[in-house]
Amino acid sequence: MKVLVIGYMHQKDDKRVFRTVKALSTKAEVIYQYFSKDETEPYKDGNILYYPLKKETRKGILKKMMSRYKFDSSIVKLIEKEEYDILYLHGFPFTKPLAGFKIAKKRGKKIIYDLHELHPEDFFENWILPFKVLKRKILWNILRGQIKMSDKLVLVSHEVGEQISRKLGIKKDVMVLPNYASFSLISNNKTKEICIVGKTKKMFANNEIEIIKELSNRGFRIKVIGFVADELNNLNVVQIEALPYSEMMNEISKSAFSWLSFYTSTENLSKNDIFMFPHKFFDSIGAGTPVIVKKDFVQMSKIVEEFNIGVVIDPKDIEGSVRKIINSHENYDSIMENIRKYQSEFVWSKEKEDRFLDFVLK
């Protein structure tokens, strides 16, 4: 059995992508394409043939598009020329969104499509309204074609599957594989601080900034890891550069709470935002740290309230949100008891890996 894993623009150590590669390599040979910042030749290590691809960095819209087209063509060529039994896609060539699917289907290969995002509700969400509606329509049609040619889907949540089924009316074999933390830990030395983690700059709503400011005034230190939060200037902020995964988890574990906020669009939240489970949600619980999420994140809020592992706030109610967080900190032992009780639900394990392998390889 041989599996071609297309990581597309994900780098080699991307948590979700590399987890599937390592798992599959225990039962099959794996060809692993990933994005590399440097020119590197393919090399083999155990059951994995690492296949790095570099995209040229260009300035100007036309040159950037040509660079992406060239990179995408190399992905399609890889799907066309390599020998494999299963094509596992963690992304698709943006300028050739159906090409890889068509080639693999024509060659009689099994196609597993791992959707990290609900991309019709994720890509270009900052476009102004008339163009946003058009781009969503186009991308939903592209997704329809991709799913029709796929044999099985791997999704981050049940709700994403329901959205796809409701919108497209297509039924496929589906496995829900959330972005589990890689390991678990719990610190016995919690600091009165709120940790905000991410590699890319977050966009905070004005009310969220006001809540964070008030919490800072009430003695909470704000710890930012991996990005520069200009909106939090003049607060009691500790700025930490992006860290290797294990070090990041250790930093999260020291905090009293982990703040989860992101926006694909500066307007209303998209369905992708509402129903997604970001990595840092699972990483926070895996690190033994309760989470703060706003009620608009329907999926995360549901889990937080079901397991009582954090605080769900309404940023429109600044005073009420601050009060809920402070009350939770004053009754911290009960939340931590639930963190310990349910933590394993949020962490990758051998049992979860076996279910994944059974789904993909059979």
Protein backbone atom coordinates (compact mmCIF):
# COMPACT_ATOMS: atom_id res chain seq x y z
CA MET A 1 0.00 0.00 0.00
CA LYS A 2 1.33 3.43 -0.98
CA VAL A 3 -0.18 6.81 -0.07
CA LEU A 4 0.57 10.16 -1.69
CA VAL A 5 -0.05 12.91 0.87
CA ILE A 6 -0.43 16.41 -0.57
CA GLY A 7 0.37 18.93 2.15
CA TYR A 8 0.23 21.73 -0.45
CA MET A 9 1.20 25.01 1.26
CA HIS A 10 1.59 23.47 4.72
CA GLN A 11 5.12 23.24 6.02
CA LYS A 12 6.72 19.94 6.95
CA ASP A 13 5.93 19.98 10.68
CA ASP A 14 2.32 21.19 10.41
CA LYS A 15 0.62 19.40 13.29
CA ARG A 16 -2.46 18.07 11.49
CA VAL A 17 -0.70 17.16 8.25
CA PHE A 18 2.37 15.52 9.74
CA ARG A 19 0.23 13.58 12.22
CA THR A 20 -1.54 11.87 9.33
CA VAL A 21 1.77 11.23 7.58
CA LYS A 22 3.31 9.57 10.65
CA ALA A 23 0.20 7.51 11.29
CA LEU A 24 -0.06 6.30 7.69
CA SER A 25 3.64 5.44 7.60
CA THR A 26 3.05 2.77 10.27
CA LYS A 27 0.93 0.78 7.80
CA ALA A 28 1.96 1.99 4.35
CA GLU A 29 4.64 3.68 2.29
CA VAL A 30 4.06 7.44 2.18
CA ILE A 31 5.12 10.07 -0.33
CA TYR A 32 4.82 13.34 1.54
CA GLN A 33 4.70 16.63 -0.39
CA TYR A 34 5.03 19.76 1.71
CA PHE A 35 5.94 23.41 1.27
CA SER A 36 9.58 24.30 1.79
CA LYS A 37 11.13 27.74 2.05
CA ASP A 38 14.37 26.37 0.60
CA GLU A 39 15.35 24.34 -2.44
CA THR A 40 15.64 20.82 -1.04
CA GLU A 41 15.88 17.47 -2.77
CA PRO A 42 13.46 14.65 -1.90
CA TYR A 43 14.82 12.20 0.65
CA LYS A 44 13.62 9.02 2.32
CA ASP A 45 13.46 8.24 6.02
CA GLY A 46 11.88 4.93 6.99
CA ASN A 47 8.54 4.51 5.25
CA ILE A 48 8.30 8.19 4.30
CA LEU A 49 9.60 9.78 1.09
CA TYR A 50 9.79 13.48 1.90
CA TYR A 51 9.03 15.59 -1.16
CA PRO A 52 9.61 19.33 -0.47
CA LEU A 53 8.46 21.88 -3.03
CA LYS A 54 9.43 25.55 -3.02
CA LYS A 55 7.31 28.39 -4.36
CA GLU A 56 9.13 31.41 -5.74
CA THR A 57 8.58 34.66 -3.88
CA ARG A 58 7.52 37.41 -6.27
CA LYS A 59 6.31 41.00 -5.92
CA GLY A 60 3.29 42.25 -7.79
CA ILE A 61 -0.10 40.56 -8.25
CA LEU A 62 0.61 39.16 -11.73
CA LYS A 63 4.01 37.75 -10.74
CA LYS A 64 2.57 36.25 -7.57
CA MET A 65 -0.16 34.54 -9.57
CA MET A 66 2.38 33.18 -12.05
CA SER A 67 4.49 31.86 -9.17
CA ARG A 68 1.44 30.17 -7.63
CA TYR A 69 0.44 28.71 -11.01
CA LYS A 70 3.91 27.23 -11.44
CA PHE A 71 3.82 25.77 -7.93
CA ASP A 72 0.33 24.37 -8.49
CA SER A 73 1.41 22.79 -11.76
CA SER A 74 4.18 20.95 -9.93
CA ILE A 75 1.58 19.54 -7.50
CA VAL A 76 -0.63 18.35 -10.35
CA LYS A 77 2.37 16.81 -12.10
CA LEU A 78 3.26 14.93 -8.90
CA ILE A 79 -0.28 13.52 -8.68
CA GLU A 80 -0.05 12.52 -12.33
CA LYS A 81 3.37 10.84 -12.36
CA GLU A 82 3.79 9.17 -8.96
CA GLU A 83 2.69 5.61 -8.24
CA TYR A 84 0.30 5.33 -5.29
CA ASP A 85 -2.90 3.64 -4.22
CA ILE A 86 -4.42 6.46 -2.17
CA LEU A 87 -4.30 10.20 -2.75
CA TYR A 88 -4.67 12.03 0.58
CA LEU A 89 -5.26 15.76 0.10
CA HIS A 90 -4.69 18.35 2.83
CA GLY A 91 -5.18 21.11 0.31
CA PHE A 92 -5.63 21.64 -3.41
CA PRO A 93 -3.78 23.61 -6.11
CA PHE A 94 -5.61 26.93 -5.93
CA THR A 95 -5.20 27.79 -9.62
CA LYS A 96 -6.14 24.24 -10.65
CA PRO A 97 -8.72 23.26 -8.01
CA LEU A 98 -10.14 20.18 -9.76
CA ALA A 99 -7.14 18.99 -11.76
CA GLY A 100 -5.59 16.72 -9.12
CA PHE A 101 -8.94 15.12 -8.30
CA LYS A 102 -9.67 14.42 -11.98
CA ILE A 103 -6.25 12.88 -12.60
CA ALA A 104 -6.41 10.61 -9.56
CA LYS A 105 -9.99 9.59 -10.41
CA LYS A 106 -9.05 8.79 -14.00
CA ARG A 107 -6.14 6.68 -12.75
CA GLY A 108 -8.52 4.72 -10.51
CA LYS A 109 -6.95 5.94 -7.25
CA LYS A 110 -8.78 6.25 -3.94
CA ILE A 111 -9.16 9.91 -2.90
CA ILE A 112 -9.31 11.05 0.72
CA TYR A 113 -10.06 14.77 1.10
CA ASP A 114 -9.10 16.32 4.45
CA LEU A 115 -10.84 19.69 4.77
CA HIS A 116 -9.05 21.89 7.29
CA GLU A 117 -11.50 24.69 6.58
CA LEU A 118 -14.84 25.16 4.92
CA HIS A 119 -13.06 27.04 2.17
CA PRO A 120 -16.06 28.71 0.46
CA GLU A 121 -16.59 30.50 3.78
CA ASP A 122 -12.87 31.02 4.44
CA PHE A 123 -11.04 32.25 1.35
CA PHE A 124 -11.26 36.00 0.60
CA GLU A 125 -13.82 36.71 3.32
CA ASN A 126 -12.68 40.34 3.47
CA TRP A 127 -13.98 41.06 -0.01
CA ILE A 128 -16.82 43.57 -0.16
CA LEU A 129 -20.30 42.10 -0.17
CA PRO A 130 -21.22 41.75 -3.89
CA PHE A 131 -17.90 40.07 -4.68
CA LYS A 132 -18.00 37.98 -1.51
CA VAL A 133 -21.35 36.48 -2.53
CA LEU A 134 -20.01 35.67 -6.01
CA LYS A 135 -16.78 34.12 -4.75
CA ARG A 136 -18.72 31.95 -2.26
CA LYS A 137 -20.95 30.68 -5.07
CA ILE A 138 -17.92 29.83 -7.22
CA LEU A 139 -16.07 28.12 -4.37
CA TRP A 140 -19.13 26.10 -3.31
CA ASN A 141 -19.35 24.83 -6.89
CA ILE A 142 -15.67 23.93 -6.83
CA LEU A 143 -16.14 22.15 -3.50
CA ARG A 144 -19.09 20.25 -4.99
CA GLY A 145 -16.85 18.93 -7.77
CA GLN A 146 -14.04 18.04 -5.35
CA ILE A 147 -16.35 16.14 -3.01
CA LYS A 148 -18.09 14.28 -5.82
CA MET A 149 -14.73 12.90 -6.94
CA SER A 150 -13.59 12.08 -3.38
CA ASP A 151 -14.16 8.64 -1.90
CA LYS A 152 -14.05 9.74 1.75
CA LEU A 153 -13.89 12.98 3.70
CA VAL A 154 -11.96 13.84 6.87
CA LEU A 155 -13.48 16.85 8.64
CA VAL A 156 -12.68 18.88 11.76
CA SER A 157 -16.24 18.82 13.11
CA HIS A 158 -19.66 17.21 12.63
CA GLU A 159 -21.17 20.61 11.94
CA VAL A 160 -18.95 21.14 8.89
CA GLY A 161 -20.24 17.85 7.51
CA GLU A 162 -23.83 18.96 8.13
CA GLN A 163 -23.16 22.26 6.34
CA ILE A 164 -21.75 20.41 3.32
CA SER A 165 -24.63 17.93 3.26
CA ARG A 166 -27.24 20.69 3.61
CA LYS A 167 -25.66 22.94 0.98
CA LEU A 168 -24.58 20.36 -1.60
CA GLY A 169 -26.82 17.38 -0.88
CA ILE A 170 -23.90 14.98 -1.24
CA LYS A 171 -23.45 11.99 1.06
CA LYS A 172 -19.95 10.58 1.58
CA ASP A 173 -18.18 8.42 4.13
CA VAL A 174 -16.99 10.92 6.73
CA MET A 175 -14.60 10.80 9.66
CA VAL A 176 -14.47 13.70 12.10
CA LEU A 177 -10.87 14.28 13.11
CA PRO A 178 -10.51 17.41 15.26
CA ASN A 179 -7.19 19.20 15.70
CA TYR A 180 -6.24 17.24 18.81
CA ALA A 181 -3.36 18.35 21.01
CA SER A 182 -0.27 16.15 20.58
CA PHE A 183 0.17 15.48 24.29
CA SER A 184 -1.19 16.57 27.66
CA LEU A 185 0.24 18.27 30.73
CA ILE A 186 -1.01 20.25 33.71
CA SER A 187 1.02 22.84 35.60
CA ASN A 188 0.72 23.11 39.36
CA ASN A 189 2.03 26.68 39.20
CA LYS A 190 -0.68 28.67 37.46
CA THR A 191 -0.14 32.41 37.00
CA LYS A 192 -2.91 34.99 36.98
CA GLU A 193 -2.54 35.61 33.30
CA ILE A 194 -4.41 35.18 30.03
CA CYS A 195 -2.51 33.57 27.17
CA ILE A 196 -3.21 34.48 23.53
CA VAL A 197 -1.45 32.26 20.98
CA GLY A 198 -1.10 32.33 17.22
CA LYS A 199 1.38 32.57 14.35
CA THR A 200 -0.65 35.18 12.50
CA LYS A 201 -1.96 38.53 13.71
CA LYS A 202 -5.38 38.27 15.29
CA MET A 203 -8.21 40.71 14.74
CA PHE A 204 -9.98 41.69 17.93
CA ALA A 205 -13.37 43.34 18.02
CA ASN A 206 -13.38 46.63 19.91
CA ASN A 207 -15.41 45.15 22.75
CA GLU A 208 -12.91 42.30 23.14
CA ILE A 209 -10.08 44.79 23.51
CA GLU A 210 -12.09 46.59 26.20
CA ILE A 211 -12.63 43.30 28.07
CA ILE A 212 -8.92 42.48 27.93
CA LYS A 213 -8.03 46.01 29.10
CA GLU A 214 -10.39 45.70 32.06
CA LEU A 215 -8.96 42.29 32.96
CA SER A 216 -5.48 43.81 32.80
CA ASN A 217 -6.66 46.54 35.16
CA ARG A 218 -7.99 43.81 37.50
CA GLY A 219 -4.54 42.25 37.81
CA PHE A 220 -4.43 39.77 34.93
CA ARG A 221 -1.20 39.74 32.96
CA ILE A 222 -1.66 39.26 29.21
CA LYS A 223 0.78 36.86 27.53
CA VAL A 224 0.97 36.93 23.74
CA ILE A 225 2.83 34.14 21.92
CA GLY A 226 3.74 34.16 18.25
CA PHE A 227 2.40 37.49 16.96
CA VAL A 228 2.59 41.18 17.79
CA ALA A 229 -0.66 42.46 19.28
CA ASP A 230 -0.54 46.18 18.49
CA GLU A 231 -4.08 46.56 19.82
CA LEU A 232 -2.84 45.65 23.30
CA ASN A 233 -0.20 48.36 23.57
CA ASN A 234 0.13 50.01 26.97
CA LEU A 235 -1.28 46.98 28.77
CA ASN A 236 0.50 44.59 31.08
CA VAL A 237 1.59 42.41 28.14
CA VAL A 238 4.35 39.81 27.95
CA GLN A 239 5.38 39.30 24.33
CA ILE A 240 6.92 35.91 23.41
CA GLU A 241 8.06 34.96 19.91
CA ALA A 242 6.70 31.86 18.18
CA LEU A 243 7.90 28.73 19.98
CA PRO A 244 8.41 25.05 19.11
CA TYR A 245 5.26 23.10 19.93
CA SER A 246 6.39 21.56 23.23
CA GLU A 247 7.65 24.92 24.54
CA MET A 248 4.43 26.63 23.46
CA MET A 249 2.38 24.02 25.31
CA ASN A 250 4.49 24.58 28.41
CA GLU A 251 3.85 28.34 28.26
CA ILE A 252 0.10 27.83 27.80
CA SER A 253 0.06 25.45 30.78
CA LYS A 254 1.31 28.20 33.11
CA SER A 255 -1.60 30.53 32.34
CA ALA A 256 -4.92 30.69 34.16
CA PHE A 257 -6.84 31.04 30.88
CA SER A 258 -6.29 30.85 27.13
CA TRP A 259 -8.13 33.48 25.07
CA LEU A 260 -9.42 32.24 21.70
CA SER A 261 -10.35 34.86 19.15
CA PHE A 262 -10.01 35.13 15.39
CA TYR A 263 -11.86 36.58 12.42
CA THR A 264 -11.74 35.50 8.80
CA SER A 265 -13.76 38.61 8.00
CA THR A 266 -13.98 42.03 9.58
CA GLU A 267 -17.75 41.77 9.17
CA ASN A 268 -19.98 38.99 10.51
CA LEU A 269 -18.38 35.65 11.32
CA SER A 270 -18.44 33.17 8.46
CA LYS A 271 -19.73 29.62 8.85
CA ASN A 272 -16.09 28.55 8.78
CA ASP A 273 -15.40 30.60 11.91
CA ILE A 274 -18.59 29.55 13.66
CA PHE A 275 -18.10 25.81 13.23
CA MET A 276 -14.32 25.41 13.22
CA PHE A 277 -12.20 23.90 15.98
CA PRO A 278 -8.84 25.76 15.84
CA HIS A 279 -5.66 24.01 16.95
CA LYS A 280 -5.27 26.29 19.95
CA PHE A 281 -8.62 25.18 21.37
CA PHE A 282 -7.37 21.61 21.72
CA ASP A 283 -3.83 22.69 22.58
CA SER A 284 -5.13 24.81 25.45
CA ILE A 285 -7.12 21.97 26.99
CA GLY A 286 -4.22 19.61 26.30
CA ALA A 287 -1.99 22.03 28.21
CA GLY A 288 -4.43 21.93 31.12
CA THR A 289 -5.62 25.52 30.67
CA PRO A 290 -9.29 26.60 30.61
CA VAL A 291 -10.38 28.57 27.56
CA ILE A 292 -12.23 31.85 27.07
CA VAL A 293 -14.42 31.84 23.95
CA LYS A 294 -17.16 34.11 22.75
CA LYS A 295 -20.65 32.73 22.26
CA ASP A 296 -20.57 33.42 18.50
CA PHE A 297 -18.13 30.52 18.13
CA VAL A 298 -21.02 28.07 18.30
CA GLN A 299 -19.08 24.84 18.18
CA MET A 300 -16.42 25.76 20.73
CA SER A 301 -18.97 27.37 23.05
CA LYS A 302 -21.09 24.22 23.01
CA ILE A 303 -18.14 22.07 24.10
CA VAL A 304 -16.94 24.54 26.75
CA GLU A 305 -20.37 24.65 28.36
CA GLU A 306 -20.97 20.90 28.05
CA PHE A 307 -17.74 19.99 29.81
CA ASN A 308 -17.42 23.18 31.92
CA ILE A 309 -13.80 23.67 30.84
CA GLY A 310 -13.74 27.41 30.44
CA VAL A 311 -15.78 30.59 30.08
CA VAL A 312 -18.21 31.55 27.31
CA ILE A 313 -18.58 35.32 27.01
CA ASP A 314 -20.66 37.82 25.06
CA PRO A 315 -18.27 40.65 24.07
CA LYS A 316 -21.23 43.01 23.64
CA ASP A 317 -21.66 42.76 27.41
CA ILE A 318 -18.26 44.00 28.56
CA GLU A 319 -19.05 44.19 32.26
CA GLY A 320 -20.81 40.81 32.26
CA SER A 321 -17.94 39.15 30.40
CA VAL A 322 -15.34 40.52 32.81
CA ARG A 323 -17.47 39.39 35.75
CA LYS A 324 -17.81 35.84 34.35
CA ILE A 325 -14.05 35.51 33.89
CA ILE A 326 -13.26 36.84 37.36
CA ASN A 327 -15.89 34.56 38.94
CA SER A 328 -14.40 31.59 37.09
CA HIS A 329 -10.96 32.50 38.40
CA GLU A 330 -12.34 32.71 41.93
CA ASN A 331 -13.89 29.24 41.48
CA TYR A 332 -10.92 27.89 39.55
CA ASP A 333 -10.65 24.51 41.28
CA SER A 334 -13.97 23.28 39.89
CA ILE A 335 -12.97 24.14 36.32
CA MET A 336 -9.58 22.47 36.75
CA GLU A 337 -11.29 19.37 38.08
CA ASN A 338 -13.20 19.14 34.80
CA ILE A 339 -10.05 19.84 32.78
CA ARG A 340 -8.40 16.83 34.42
CA LYS A 341 -11.53 14.72 33.97
CA TYR A 342 -12.02 15.37 30.25
CA GLN A 343 -8.52 16.30 29.05
CA SER A 344 -7.93 12.98 27.26
CA GLU A 345 -10.90 13.75 24.96
CA PHE A 346 -8.85 16.59 23.45
CA VAL A 347 -5.52 14.79 22.99
CA TRP A 348 -4.26 12.51 20.20
CA SER A 349 -3.90 8.88 21.22
CA LYS A 350 -3.17 5.41 19.87
CA GLU A 351 -6.88 4.63 19.91
CA LYS A 352 -7.68 7.71 17.81
CA GLU A 353 -4.83 6.86 15.44
CA ASP A 354 -6.14 3.31 14.95
CA ARG A 355 -9.61 4.62 14.08
CA PHE A 356 -8.06 7.01 11.57
CA LEU A 357 -5.99 4.27 9.90
CA ASP A 358 -8.97 1.96 9.72
CA PHE A 359 -11.01 4.67 8.02
CA VAL A 360 -8.38 5.67 5.45
CA LEU A 361 -6.86 2.32 4.52
CA LYS A 362 -9.99 0.15 4.32
